[in-house]
C-alpha atoms as a PDB file:
ATOM      1  CA  MET A   1       0.071  -0.001  -0.058  1.00  0.00           C
ATOM      2  CA  THR A   2       1.229   3.487  -0.812  1.00  0.00           C
ATOM      3  CA  ASN A   3       2.237   5.609   2.183  1.00  0.00           C
ATOM      4  CA  PRO A   4       0.033   8.777   1.798  1.00  0.00           C
ATOM      5  CA  ALA A   5       2.561  11.150   3.467  1.00  0.00           C
ATOM      6  CA  LEU A   6       5.254   9.712   0.971  1.00  0.00           C
ATOM      7  CA  GLN A   7       2.780  10.299  -1.950  1.00  0.00           C
ATOM      8  CA  GLN A   8       2.181  13.802  -1.017  1.00  0.00           C
ATOM      9  CA  GLU A   9       5.867  14.580  -0.577  1.00  0.00           C
ATOM     10  CA  HIS A  10       6.454  13.367  -4.066  1.00  0.00           C
ATOM     11  CA  GLU A  11       3.483  15.408  -5.483  1.00  0.00           C
ATOM     12  CA  ARG A  12       5.069  18.445  -3.949  1.00  0.00           C
ATOM     13  CA  PHE A  13       8.492  17.472  -5.348  1.00  0.00           C
ATOM     14  CA  ASN A  14       6.734  17.083  -8.830  1.00  0.00           C
ATOM     15  CA  SER A  15       4.892  20.547  -8.188  1.00  0.00           C
ATOM     16  CA  ARG A  16       8.247  22.423  -7.651  1.00  0.00           C
ATOM     17  CA  MET A  17       9.402  21.291 -10.960  1.00  0.00           C
ATOM     18  CA  LEU A  18       6.044  22.361 -12.832  1.00  0.00           C
ATOM     19  CA  LYS A  19       6.294  25.762 -11.306  1.00  0.00           C
ATOM     20  CA  LEU A  20       9.645  25.961 -13.073  1.00  0.00           C
ATOM     21  CA  GLY A  21       8.143  24.873 -16.233  1.00  0.00           C
ATOM     22  CA  ILE A  22       9.845  21.591 -15.966  1.00  0.00           C
ATOM     23  CA  SER A  23       8.406  18.139 -17.267  1.00  0.00           C
ATOM     24  CA  PRO A  24      10.644  15.447 -16.024  1.00  0.00           C
ATOM     25  CA  ASN A  25      10.914  12.349 -18.301  1.00  0.00           C
ATOM     26  CA  ILE A  26      11.314  10.086 -15.206  1.00  0.00           C
ATOM     27  CA  SER A  27      10.179  11.017 -11.421  1.00  0.00           C
ATOM     28  CA  ILE A  28      10.312   8.223  -8.830  1.00  0.00           C
ATOM     29  CA  ALA A  29      10.081   8.082  -5.077  1.00  0.00           C
ATOM     30  CA  ASP A  30      11.409   5.323  -2.944  1.00  0.00           C
ATOM     31  CA  ARG A  31       8.789   3.693  -0.563  1.00  0.00           C
ATOM     32  CA  HIS A  32      10.678   4.266   2.609  1.00  0.00           C
ATOM     33  CA  GLY A  33      10.974   7.971   2.279  1.00  0.00           C
ATOM     34  CA  ILE A  34      14.780   8.168   1.662  1.00  0.00           C
ATOM     35  CA  GLY A  35      14.314  10.281  -1.412  1.00  0.00           C
ATOM     36  CA  MET A  36      13.254  10.910  -4.802  1.00  0.00           C
ATOM     37  CA  LEU A  37      14.962  10.900  -8.289  1.00  0.00           C
ATOM     38  CA  ALA A  38      13.948  12.924 -11.355  1.00  0.00           C
ATOM     39  CA  HIS A  39      15.409  13.586 -14.903  1.00  0.00           C
ATOM     40  CA  ALA A  40      14.545  16.637 -16.835  1.00  0.00           C
ATOM     41  CA  ASN A  41      15.559  19.262 -19.408  1.00  0.00           C
ATOM     42  CA  PHE A  42      15.986  23.007 -17.982  1.00  0.00           C
ATOM     43  CA  ASP A  43      15.662  26.069 -20.030  1.00  0.00           C
ATOM     44  CA  ALA A  44      17.956  28.942 -19.141  1.00  0.00           C
ATOM     45  CA  SER A  45      16.567  30.638 -16.327  1.00  0.00           C
ATOM     46  CA  GLU A  46      17.339  33.434 -13.738  1.00  0.00           C
ATOM     47  CA  GLY A  47      15.678  34.173 -10.334  1.00  0.00           C
ATOM     48  CA  ASP A  48      14.862  32.563  -7.092  1.00  0.00           C
ATOM     49  CA  PHE A  49      15.829  29.021  -6.083  1.00  0.00           C
ATOM     50  CA  SER A  50      13.095  28.065  -3.705  1.00  0.00           C
ATOM     51  CA  PRO A  51      14.083  26.274  -0.468  1.00  0.00           C
ATOM     52  CA  ALA A  52      13.522  22.577  -0.327  1.00  0.00           C
ATOM     53  CA  PRO A  53      13.239  20.155   2.749  1.00  0.00           C
ATOM     54  CA  TYR A  54      15.745  17.739   1.347  1.00  0.00           C
ATOM     55  CA  LEU A  55      19.380  17.561   0.212  1.00  0.00           C
ATOM     56  CA  MET A  56      19.528  17.990  -3.487  1.00  0.00           C
ATOM     57  CA  LEU A  57      22.374  16.112  -5.594  1.00  0.00           C
ATOM     58  CA  ASN A  58      22.281  17.276  -9.095  1.00  0.00           C
ATOM     59  CA  LEU A  59      24.213  15.644 -12.033  1.00  0.00           C
ATOM     60  CA  CYS A  60      24.511  17.452 -15.384  1.00  0.00           C
ATOM     61  CA  THR A  61      23.699  15.014 -18.185  1.00  0.00           C
ATOM     62  CA  ALA A  62      23.848  17.216 -21.224  1.00  0.00           C
ATOM     63  CA  HIS A  63      24.846  20.696 -22.541  1.00  0.00           C
ATOM     64  CA  ILE A  64      27.626  23.051 -21.195  1.00  0.00           C
ATOM     65  CA  GLY A  65      26.739  26.394 -19.330  1.00  0.00           C
ATOM     66  CA  ARG A  66      27.104  28.256 -16.172  1.00  0.00           C
ATOM     67  CA  ILE A  67      25.279  28.310 -12.817  1.00  0.00           C
ATOM     68  CA  LYS A  68      25.287  30.648  -9.916  1.00  0.00           C
ATOM     69  CA  ARG A  69      23.691  30.463  -6.638  1.00  0.00           C
ATOM     70  CA  VAL A  70      23.979  32.904  -3.894  1.00  0.00           C
ATOM     71  CA  GLY A  71      21.841  32.838  -0.626  1.00  0.00           C
ATOM     72  CA  ASP A  72      21.393  31.206   2.669  1.00  0.00           C
ATOM     73  CA  GLY A  73      23.788  28.173   1.854  1.00  0.00           C
ATOM     74  CA  PRO A  74      27.223  28.273   0.523  1.00  0.00           C
ATOM     75  CA  ASP A  75      27.645  30.472  -2.616  1.00  0.00           C
ATOM     76  CA  LEU A  76      28.278  28.437  -5.833  1.00  0.00           C
ATOM     77  CA  GLU A  77      29.267  29.571  -9.193  1.00  0.00           C
ATOM     78  CA  GLY A  78      30.973  27.683 -12.061  1.00  0.00           C
ATOM     79  CA  VAL A  79      30.678  25.709 -15.385  1.00  0.00           C
ATOM     80  CA  LEU A  80      28.158  22.895 -15.737  1.00  0.00           C
ATOM     81  CA  ARG A  81      29.154  20.141 -18.125  1.00  0.00           C
ATOM     82  CA  PRO A  82      28.187  16.575 -18.537  1.00  0.00           C
ATOM     83  CA  GLY A  83      29.386  14.668 -15.391  1.00  0.00           C
ATOM     84  CA  THR A  84      29.463  17.635 -13.011  1.00  0.00           C
ATOM     85  CA  VAL A  85      27.558  17.312  -9.810  1.00  0.00           C
ATOM     86  CA  ALA A  86      26.308  20.219  -7.639  1.00  0.00           C
ATOM     87  CA  ILE A  87      24.590  20.145  -4.417  1.00  0.00           C
ATOM     88  CA  ALA A  88      22.089  22.258  -2.496  1.00  0.00           C
ATOM     89  CA  LEU A  89      21.597  22.099   1.144  1.00  0.00           C
ATOM     90  CA  PRO A  90      18.084  21.601   2.927  1.00  0.00           C
ATOM     91  CA  ASN A  91      15.917  24.735   3.621  1.00  0.00           C
ATOM     92  CA  THR A  92      18.284  27.043   1.893  1.00  0.00           C
ATOM     93  CA  ALA A  93      16.707  29.869  -0.267  1.00  0.00           C
ATOM     94  CA  ALA A  94      18.854  31.456  -2.955  1.00  0.00           C
ATOM     95  CA  ARG A  95      19.020  33.670  -6.184  1.00  0.00           C
ATOM     96  CA  GLY A  96      20.844  32.902  -9.197  1.00  0.00           C
ATOM     97  CA  TYR A  97      20.929  31.546 -12.725  1.00  0.00           C
ATOM     98  CA  TRP A  98      21.625  28.384 -14.801  1.00  0.00           C
ATOM     99  CA  SER A  99      22.135  28.026 -18.626  1.00  0.00           C
ATOM    100  CA  LYS A 100      20.239  25.637 -20.674  1.00  0.00           C
ATOM    101  CA  THR A 101      21.071  22.260 -19.121  1.00  0.00           C
ATOM    102  CA  GLN A 102      19.650  18.661 -18.714  1.00  0.00           C
ATOM    103  CA  MET A 103      19.899  17.371 -15.090  1.00  0.00           C
ATOM    104  CA  LEU A 104      19.355  14.365 -12.942  1.00  0.00           C
ATOM    105  CA  GLY A 105      18.235  15.368  -9.509  1.00  0.00           C
ATOM    106  CA  ILE A 106      18.233  13.067  -6.551  1.00  0.00           C
ATOM    107  CA  ALA A 107      16.409  14.591  -3.313  1.00  0.00           C
ATOM    108  CA  VAL A 108      17.507  12.940  -0.185  1.00  0.00           C
ATOM    109  CA  ASN A 109      15.525  13.140   3.180  1.00  0.00           C
ATOM    110  CA  LEU A 110      18.508  13.211   5.559  1.00  0.00           C
ATOM    111  CA  GLY A 111      16.113  12.445   8.537  1.00  0.00           C
ATOM    112  CA  SER A 112      14.778   9.286   7.048  1.00  0.00           C
ATOM    113  CA  LEU A 113      18.032   8.155   5.916  1.00  0.00           C
ATOM    114  CA  SER A 114      19.547   8.528   9.315  1.00  0.00           C
ATOM    115  CA  ALA A 115      16.969   6.612  10.823  1.00  0.00           C
ATOM    116  CA  LEU A 116      17.920   3.583   8.779  1.00  0.00           C
ATOM    117  CA  SER A 117      21.620   4.172   8.815  1.00  0.00           C
ATOM    118  CA  GLU A 118      24.150   3.796  11.739  1.00  0.00           C
ATOM    119  CA  ASN A 119      26.386   6.562  10.792  1.00  0.00           C
ATOM    120  CA  ALA A 120      23.976   9.807  10.499  1.00  0.00           C
ATOM    121  CA  ILE A 121      24.971  12.342   7.802  1.00  0.00           C
ATOM    122  CA  THR A 122      24.212  15.964   8.781  1.00  0.00           C
ATOM    123  CA  THR A 123      23.832  19.087   6.877  1.00  0.00           C
ATOM    124  CA  ASP A 124      26.695  20.504   8.477  1.00  0.00           C
ATOM    125  CA  SER A 125      29.044  17.725   6.979  1.00  0.00           C
ATOM    126  CA  MET A 126      27.784  18.894   3.502  1.00  0.00           C
ATOM    127  CA  LEU A 127      28.784  22.588   3.824  1.00  0.00           C
ATOM    128  CA  ALA A 128      32.226  22.340   2.156  1.00  0.00           C
ATOM    129  CA  ALA A 129      30.890  20.149  -0.674  1.00  0.00           C
ATOM    130  CA  ALA A 130      28.029  22.516  -1.396  1.00  0.00           C
ATOM    131  CA  SER A 131      30.439  25.410  -1.988  1.00  0.00           C
ATOM    132  CA  THR A 132      31.905  23.901  -5.198  1.00  0.00           C
ATOM    133  CA  LEU A 133      31.103  21.903  -8.250  1.00  0.00           C
ATOM    134  CA  HIS A 134      32.367  18.517  -8.515  1.00  0.00           C
ATOM    135  CA  ASN A 135      33.887  16.615 -11.424  1.00  0.00           C
ATOM    136  CA  ASP A 136      34.435  13.422  -9.624  1.00  0.00           C
ATOM    137  CA  PRO A 137      34.091  10.229 -11.537  1.00  0.00           C
ATOM    138  CA  LEU A 138      32.869   8.450  -8.397  1.00  0.00           C
ATOM    139  CA  LEU A 139      29.989  10.721  -7.880  1.00  0.00           C
ATOM    140  CA  THR A 140      29.174  10.640 -11.590  1.00  0.00           C
ATOM    141  CA  SER A 141      29.243   6.938 -11.991  1.00  0.00           C
ATOM    142  CA  VAL A 142      26.997   6.243  -8.712  1.00  0.00           C
ATOM    143  CA  MET A 143      24.390   8.796  -9.831  1.00  0.00           C
ATOM    144  CA  THR A 144      24.262   7.468 -13.277  1.00  0.00           C
ATOM    145  CA  ALA A 145      23.849   3.831 -11.923  1.00  0.00           C
ATOM    146  CA  LEU A 146      21.067   4.823  -9.562  1.00  0.00           C
ATOM    147  CA  TRP A 147      19.357   6.607 -12.572  1.00  0.00           C
ATOM    148  CA  ARG A 148      19.660   3.746 -14.806  1.00  0.00           C
ATOM    149  CA  ASP A 149      18.655   1.171 -12.125  1.00  0.00           C
ATOM    150  CA  ALA A 150      15.545   3.362 -11.331  1.00  0.00           C
ATOM    151  CA  ASP A 151      14.431   3.562 -14.881  1.00  0.00           C
ATOM    152  CA  VAL A 152      14.314  -0.338 -15.006  1.00  0.00           C
ATOM    153  CA  HIS A 153      13.391  -1.225 -11.512  1.00  0.00           C
ATOM    154  CA  GLY A 154      12.199   1.789  -9.795  1.00  0.00           C
ATOM    155  CA  LEU A 155      13.864   2.778  -6.682  1.00  0.00           C
ATOM    156  CA  SER A 156      14.869  -0.535  -5.019  1.00  0.00           C
ATOM    157  CA  CYS A 157      15.280   0.462  -1.191  1.00  0.00           C
ATOM    158  CA  ALA A 158      18.557  -1.499  -0.586  1.00  0.00           C
ATOM    159  CA  PHE A 159      20.271  -0.542  -3.833  1.00  0.00           C
ATOM    160  CA  PHE A 160      19.019   3.085  -3.545  1.00  0.00           C
ATOM    161  CA  GLU A 161      20.111   3.357   0.160  1.00  0.00           C
ATOM    162  CA  GLN A 162      23.477   1.895  -0.617  1.00  0.00           C
ATOM    163  CA  GLY A 163      24.148   4.261  -3.425  1.00  0.00           C
ATOM    164  CA  ILE A 164      22.897   7.396  -1.444  1.00  0.00           C
ATOM    165  CA  ASN A 165      25.364   6.415   1.473  1.00  0.00           C
ATOM    166  CA  VAL A 166      28.381   5.963  -1.012  1.00  0.00           C
ATOM    167  CA  LEU A 167      27.632   9.534  -2.338  1.00  0.00           C
ATOM    168  CA  LEU A 168      27.143  11.218   0.924  1.00  0.00           C
ATOM    169  CA  ARG A 169      30.350   9.684   2.405  1.00  0.00           C
ATOM    170  CA  ARG A 170      32.169  11.118  -0.550  1.00  0.00           C
ATOM    171  CA  LEU A 171      30.719  14.433  -0.235  1.00  0.00           C
ATOM    172  CA  SER A 172      31.104  14.605   3.520  1.00  0.00           C
ATOM    173  CA  SER A 173      34.730  13.833   3.082  1.00  0.00           C
ATOM    174  CA  TYR A 174      35.260  17.240   1.603  1.00  0.00           C
ATOM    175  CA  ARG A 175      35.109  18.971   5.049  1.00  0.00           C
ATOM    176  CA  ASN A 176      38.605  17.230   5.866  1.00  0.00           C
ATOM    177  CA  GLN A 177      40.360  18.560   2.701  1.00  0.00           C
ATOM    178  CA  PRO A 178      42.401  21.644   3.430  1.00  0.00           C
ATOM    179  CA  ALA A 179      41.422  24.655   1.545  1.00  0.00           C
ATOM    180  CA  LYS A 180      43.678  25.627  -1.269  1.00  0.00           C
ATOM    181  CA  GLN A 181      46.149  28.356  -0.343  1.00  0.00           C
ATOM    182  CA  PRO A 182      46.013  31.382  -2.658  1.00  0.00           C
ATOM    183  CA  LEU A 183      49.179  31.824  -4.799  1.00  0.00           C
ATOM    184  CA  ILE A 184      51.289  34.603  -3.363  1.00  0.00           C
ATOM    185  CA  TYR A 185      53.777  36.423  -5.471  1.00  0.00           C
ATOM    186  CA  PRO A 186      56.543  38.113  -3.361  1.00  0.00           C
ATOM    187  CA  LEU A 187      56.610  42.088  -3.470  1.00  0.00           C
ATOM    188  CA  LYS A 188      59.902  42.985  -5.275  1.00  0.00           C
ATOM    189  CA  GLY A 189      61.818  45.287  -7.491  1.00  0.00           C
ATOM    190  CA  ALA A 190      60.751  49.057  -7.563  1.00  0.00           C
ATOM    191  CA  ARG A 191      57.353  48.343  -5.710  1.00  0.00           C
ATOM    192  CA  LEU A 192      59.115  46.811  -2.675  1.00  0.00           C
ATOM    193  CA  GLN A 193      61.667  49.705  -2.682  1.00  0.00           C
ATOM    194  CA  GLN A 194      58.720  52.275  -2.553  1.00  0.00           C
ATOM    195  CA  VAL A 195      57.386  50.660   0.514  1.00  0.00           C
ATOM    196  CA  MET A 196      60.911  50.522   2.206  1.00  0.00           C
ATOM    197  CA  ASP A 197      61.618  54.081   1.339  1.00  0.00           C
ATOM    198  CA  LEU A 198      58.159  55.262   2.946  1.00  0.00           C
ATOM    199  CA  MET A 199      58.876  53.271   6.020  1.00  0.00           C
ATOM    200  CA  GLU A 200      62.391  54.763   6.402  1.00  0.00           C
ATOM    201  CA  SER A 201      61.021  58.246   6.035  1.00  0.00           C
ATOM    202  CA  ARG A 202      58.299  57.632   8.673  1.00  0.00           C
ATOM    203  CA  LEU A 203      60.319  55.901  11.506  1.00  0.00           C
ATOM    204  CA  GLY A 204      59.410  58.722  13.800  1.00  0.00           C
ATOM    205  CA  GLU A 205      55.595  58.504  12.941  1.00  0.00           C
ATOM    206  CA  ASP A 206      52.862  56.093  12.296  1.00  0.00           C
ATOM    207  CA  VAL A 207      52.257  54.507   9.095  1.00  0.00           C
ATOM    208  CA  ARG A 208      49.223  52.426   8.328  1.00  0.00           C
ATOM    209  CA  VAL A 209      49.331  49.126   6.373  1.00  0.00           C
ATOM    210  CA  SER A 210      46.495  50.372   4.239  1.00  0.00           C
ATOM    211  CA  GLU A 211      48.567  53.196   3.202  1.00  0.00           C
ATOM    212  CA  LEU A 212      51.517  51.039   2.259  1.00  0.00           C
ATOM    213  CA  ALA A 213      49.233  48.769   0.230  1.00  0.00           C
ATOM    214  CA  ALA A 214      47.738  51.576  -1.489  1.00  0.00           C
ATOM    215  CA  LEU A 215      51.121  52.740  -2.507  1.00  0.00           C
ATOM    216  CA  VAL A 216      51.726  49.523  -4.529  1.00  0.00           C
ATOM    217  CA  GLY A 217      48.241  49.213  -5.666  1.00  0.00           C
ATOM    218  CA  GLN A 218      47.126  46.278  -3.420  1.00  0.00           C
ATOM    219  CA  ASP A 219      44.487  45.616  -0.793  1.00  0.00           C
ATOM    220  CA  PRO A 220      45.935  45.362   2.738  1.00  0.00           C
ATOM    221  CA  ARG A 221      45.346  41.370   3.052  1.00  0.00           C
ATOM    222  CA  THR A 222      47.141  40.858  -0.250  1.00  0.00           C
ATOM    223  CA  PHE A 223      49.958  43.322   0.533  1.00  0.00           C
ATOM    224  CA  THR A 224      50.624  41.719   3.846  1.00  0.00           C
ATOM    225  CA  ARG A 225      51.073  38.296   2.202  1.00  0.00           C
ATOM    226  CA  SER A 226      53.255  39.647  -0.618  1.00  0.00           C
ATOM    227  CA  PHE A 227      55.414  41.749   1.778  1.00  0.00           C
ATOM    228  CA  SER A 228      55.852  38.725   4.198  1.00  0.00           C
ATOM    229  CA  ALA A 229      56.769  36.533   1.274  1.00  0.00           C
ATOM    230  CA  ALA A 230      59.435  39.028   0.253  1.00  0.00           C
ATOM    231  CA  THR A 231      60.934  39.916   3.503  1.00  0.00           C
ATOM    232  CA  GLY A 232      60.005  37.167   6.104  1.00  0.00           C
ATOM    233  CA  PHE A 233      58.266  39.759   8.274  1.00  0.00           C
ATOM    234  CA  ALA A 234      54.833  41.217   8.397  1.00  0.00           C
ATOM    235  CA  PRO A 235      54.679  44.836   7.440  1.00  0.00           C
ATOM    236  CA  TYR A 236      54.254  46.214  11.048  1.00  0.00           C
ATOM    237  CA  ALA A 237      56.853  43.716  12.360  1.00  0.00           C
ATOM    238  CA  TYR A 238      59.449  44.917   9.842  1.00  0.00           C
ATOM    239  CA  PHE A 239      58.557  48.709  10.619  1.00  0.00           C
ATOM    240  CA  THR A 240      59.121  47.962  14.340  1.00  0.00           C
ATOM    241  CA  LEU A 241      62.553  46.217  13.620  1.00  0.00           C
ATOM    242  CA  ARG A 242      63.536  49.303  11.428  1.00  0.00           C
ATOM    243  CA  ARG A 243      62.662  51.684  14.318  1.00  0.00           C
ATOM    244  CA  MET A 244      64.807  49.856  16.775  1.00  0.00           C
ATOM    245  CA  GLU A 245      67.678  49.956  14.483  1.00  0.00           C
ATOM    246  CA  PHE A 246      67.171  53.647  14.201  1.00  0.00           C
ATOM    247  CA  ALA A 247      66.869  53.715  17.995  1.00  0.00           C
ATOM    248  CA  LYS A 248      70.253  51.966  18.320  1.00  0.00           C
ATOM    249  CA  GLN A 249      71.800  54.868  16.272  1.00  0.00           C
ATOM    250  CA  LEU A 250      70.248  57.506  18.696  1.00  0.00           C
ATOM    251  CA  LEU A 251      71.487  55.817  21.758  1.00  0.00           C
ATOM    252  CA  SER A 252      74.852  56.763  20.604  1.00  0.00           C
ATOM    253  CA  HIS A 253      74.162  60.322  21.315  1.00  0.00           C
ATOM    254  CA  GLU A 254      74.558  60.628  25.124  1.00  0.00           C
ATOM    255  CA  LEU A 255      72.800  63.756  25.299  1.00  0.00           C
ATOM    256  CA  LEU A 256      69.367  62.291  24.280  1.00  0.00           C
ATOM    257  CA  THR A 257      67.254  60.725  27.007  1.00  0.00           C
ATOM    258  CA  ILE A 258      65.406  57.494  26.619  1.00  0.00           C
ATOM    259  CA  THR A 259      62.190  59.594  26.592  1.00  0.00           C
ATOM    260  CA  GLU A 260      63.469  61.839  23.693  1.00  0.00           C
ATOM    261  CA  ILE A 261      64.533  58.612  21.695  1.00  0.00           C
ATOM    262  CA  ALA A 262      61.155  57.098  22.402  1.00  0.00           C
ATOM    263  CA  LEU A 263      59.484  60.239  20.908  1.00  0.00           C
ATOM    264  CA  ARG A 264      61.918  60.219  17.875  1.00  0.00           C
ATOM    265  CA  THR A 265      60.964  56.642  17.018  1.00  0.00           C
ATOM    266  CA  GLY A 266      57.184  57.199  17.172  1.00  0.00           C
ATOM    267  CA  TYR A 267      56.533  56.150  20.752  1.00  0.00           C
ATOM    268  CA  ALA A 268      54.579  58.701  22.960  1.00  0.00           C
ATOM    269  CA  ASN A 269      55.029  56.177  25.840  1.00  0.00           C
ATOM    270  CA  PRO A 270      58.678  55.630  26.810  1.00  0.00           C
ATOM    271  CA  SER A 271      57.809  52.472  28.566  1.00  0.00           C
ATOM    272  CA  LYS A 272      56.242  50.863  25.504  1.00  0.00           C
ATOM    273  CA  PHE A 273      59.218  51.960  23.750  1.00  0.00           C
ATOM    274  CA  SER A 274      61.649  50.306  26.123  1.00  0.00           C
ATOM    275  CA  ALA A 275      59.373  47.115  26.021  1.00  0.00           C
ATOM    276  CA  ALA A 276      59.572  46.770  22.239  1.00  0.00           C
ATOM    277  CA  PHE A 277      63.321  47.485  22.328  1.00  0.00           C
ATOM    278  CA  LYS A 278      64.061  44.847  24.848  1.00  0.00           C
ATOM    279  CA  ARG A 279      61.632  42.360  22.841  1.00  0.00           C
ATOM    280  CA  ILE A 280      63.499  42.881  19.807  1.00  0.00           C
ATOM    281  CA  CYS A 281      67.205  43.529  20.993  1.00  0.00           C
ATOM    282  CA  GLY A 282      67.225  41.382  24.097  1.00  0.00           C
ATOM    283  CA  VAL A 283      68.142  44.068  26.567  1.00  0.00           C
ATOM    284  CA  SER A 284      66.616  47.454  27.662  1.00  0.00           C
ATOM    285  CA  PRO A 285      67.730  50.655  25.894  1.00  0.00           C
ATOM    286  CA  SER A 286      69.675  51.940  28.963  1.00  0.00           C
ATOM    287  CA  ALA A 287      71.652  48.558  29.173  1.00  0.00           C
ATOM    288  CA  TRP A 288      72.418  48.675  25.358  1.00  0.00           C
ATOM    289  CA  ARG A 289      73.904  52.265  25.884  1.00  0.00           C
ATOM    290  CA  LEU A 290      75.942  51.130  29.164  1.00  0.00           C
ATOM    291  CA  THR A 291      77.394  48.096  27.474  1.00  0.00           C
ATOM    292  CA  GLY A 292      78.588  49.955  24.399  1.00  0.00           C
ATOM    293  CA  ASN A 293      76.786  47.737  21.937  1.00  0.00           C
ATOM    294  CA  ASN A 294      75.667  50.815  20.060  1.00  0.00           C
END
């Protein structure tokens, strides 16, 4: 006997596609409420992605185009081509667009699946996977196998459940993959020299990282990374080091007090100057002067 609740859920699933003007050539629900599978052609569209109560696994099966999704869940943008897999998290509204495409969609009820499985898959474990498009032969082959089997036998619970678990284990593993580090080019040549010259001219004043970054046409974050790659020091750490070298020169003038030297190196508070000097040089300014290390 058909479960009325599952039948209603399947009807809502089909209704969502009809609202988008989509007529699937296959749309099947499994009898245990784990999920549904549909295959259809999609015309190019732009607008709202309405939230759904299930995890959506989408496999492009024809055409090459672009997709963009921005909203409650992770943002997603890139090129769809046959074999590409994209996922959308449950209950996440978004806006965006897609080009003309053909898609296999598998809607997974994570709650029903968890009730049948020992290892529960959560929405949080899908966050990393939802932020990128996947060209993964394992995902493509398993989804294709589920599609072909459903076309002939419907959604066999055991086969469908096993396939879904394989897919979700693969997708959840993306949370353990380190994010790719951006490629950093060291600041060099005339641009590096410009920064150094400005620092040297301002040893007795403050200088902002944003000002240094603007000098070479970079945003502060990129500048900090490129300067560090070139010198081995973060910008302000290097600036402080140069201030202390300047302070060593001033300490050779016996008529200058520690307070005066602090002011000439940009420190209004002599105690903070002395603490910075000792941290970098290993001794206090007074000790440096007395031991003749200047």
